Amino acid sequence: MTRTEICNLVPLTRNDTDHPVLYLDANASLSDLYACAQQRIGAARNLLEILDCASGVQDVAQIRFAIGLLLSDGCDLLRTLGDKSQALNA
């Protein structure tokens, strides 16, 4: 992204505050949006595999919370990627 491009900041769904703090740039390239979504969904998949080794209820709860955040971010990224792809094909 060049300095002259303007960011189009979209708040992430899982901002658990009164005012959003975490955003994604809807003007990011398709490849960057895809890479970020792939990273978060992959990390969530890895955490799901770790659940087999979780030793207690608190471990499982913390892992499930992290998985929820990662999947929510990944879905937000994929939704933005889909919107941009549709706009390009219109």
Protein backbone atom coordinates (compact mmCIF):
# COMPACT_ATOMS: atom_id res chain seq x y z
CA MET A 1 0.00 0.00 0.00
CA THR A 2 1.36 3.42 -0.89
CA ARG A 3 1.23 6.42 1.37
CA THR A 4 -1.49 8.01 -0.77
CA GLU A 5 -3.92 5.12 -0.33
CA ILE A 6 -6.57 5.60 2.31
CA CYS A 7 -7.37 2.81 4.73
CA ASN A 8 -10.94 1.58 4.93
CA LEU A 9 -11.00 0.35 8.51
CA VAL A 10 -13.71 -2.15 9.41
CA PRO A 11 -14.12 -3.13 13.09
CA LEU A 12 -13.65 -6.81 13.83
CA THR A 13 -16.79 -8.59 15.02
CA ARG A 14 -15.31 -9.73 18.34
CA ASN A 15 -14.49 -6.30 19.77
CA ASP A 16 -15.69 -6.97 23.31
CA THR A 17 -15.58 -3.30 24.30
CA ASP A 18 -17.99 -0.38 24.11
CA HIS A 19 -15.93 1.17 21.31
CA PRO A 20 -14.13 -0.98 18.70
CA VAL A 21 -10.38 -1.23 19.12
CA LEU A 22 -9.40 -3.86 16.56
CA TYR A 23 -9.95 -3.25 12.84
CA LEU A 24 -9.05 -4.70 9.47
CA ASP A 25 -8.22 -2.67 6.39
CA ALA A 26 -10.84 -3.46 3.74
CA ASN A 27 -8.53 -1.81 1.17
CA ALA A 28 -5.80 -4.38 1.77
CA SER A 29 -4.87 -6.55 -1.19
CA LEU A 30 -6.80 -9.75 -1.82
CA SER A 31 -3.63 -11.77 -1.18
CA ASP A 32 -3.01 -10.05 2.17
CA LEU A 33 -6.61 -10.58 3.30
CA TYR A 34 -6.38 -14.24 2.27
CA ALA A 35 -3.03 -14.77 4.02
CA CYS A 36 -4.34 -13.26 7.27
CA ALA A 37 -7.53 -15.33 7.13
CA GLN A 38 -5.55 -18.49 6.39
CA GLN A 39 -3.19 -17.78 9.31
CA ARG A 40 -5.99 -17.30 11.83
CA ILE A 41 -8.07 -20.27 10.67
CA GLY A 42 -4.93 -22.43 10.62
CA ALA A 43 -4.07 -21.37 14.17
CA ALA A 44 -7.61 -22.24 15.29
CA ARG A 45 -7.28 -25.66 13.64
CA ASN A 46 -4.01 -26.23 15.50
CA LEU A 47 -5.65 -25.30 18.80
CA LEU A 48 -8.44 -27.78 18.10
CA GLU A 49 -5.79 -30.49 17.81
CA ILE A 50 -4.32 -29.40 21.16
CA LEU A 51 -7.72 -29.91 22.82
CA ASP A 52 -6.97 -33.64 22.82
CA CYS A 53 -4.15 -32.95 25.28
CA ALA A 54 -5.95 -30.40 27.45
CA SER A 55 -5.73 -31.45 31.08
CA GLY A 56 -8.64 -29.65 32.66
CA VAL A 57 -11.85 -27.70 32.27
CA GLN A 58 -10.03 -24.38 32.55
CA ASP A 59 -7.58 -25.39 29.81
CA VAL A 60 -10.44 -26.35 27.51
CA ALA A 61 -12.31 -23.10 28.22
CA GLN A 62 -9.25 -20.95 27.46
CA ILE A 63 -8.51 -22.84 24.25
CA ARG A 64 -12.15 -22.59 23.13
CA PHE A 65 -12.10 -18.82 23.76
CA ALA A 66 -8.92 -18.42 21.67
CA ILE A 67 -10.39 -20.56 18.90
CA GLY A 68 -13.52 -18.38 18.89
CA LEU A 69 -11.49 -15.19 18.52
CA LEU A 70 -9.32 -16.60 15.75
CA LEU A 71 -12.28 -17.98 13.80
CA SER A 72 -14.21 -14.74 14.18
CA ASP A 73 -11.25 -12.75 12.81
CA GLY A 74 -10.83 -15.27 9.99
CA CYS A 75 -14.51 -15.02 9.07
CA ASP A 76 -14.34 -11.21 9.08
CA LEU A 77 -11.35 -11.37 6.74
CA LEU A 78 -13.05 -13.87 4.43
CA ARG A 79 -16.23 -11.76 4.35
CA THR A 80 -14.18 -8.70 3.35
CA LEU A 81 -12.29 -10.78 0.78
CA GLY A 82 -15.60 -11.99 -0.67
CA ASP A 83 -17.00 -8.46 -0.83
CA LYS A 84 -13.91 -7.23 -2.67
CA SER A 85 -13.97 -10.19 -5.08
CA GLN A 86 -17.62 -9.59 -5.91
CA ALA A 87 -16.97 -5.89 -6.47
CA LEU A 88 -14.15 -6.75 -8.90
CA ASN A 89 -16.41 -9.14 -10.81
CA ALA A 90 -19.31 -6.68 -11.03
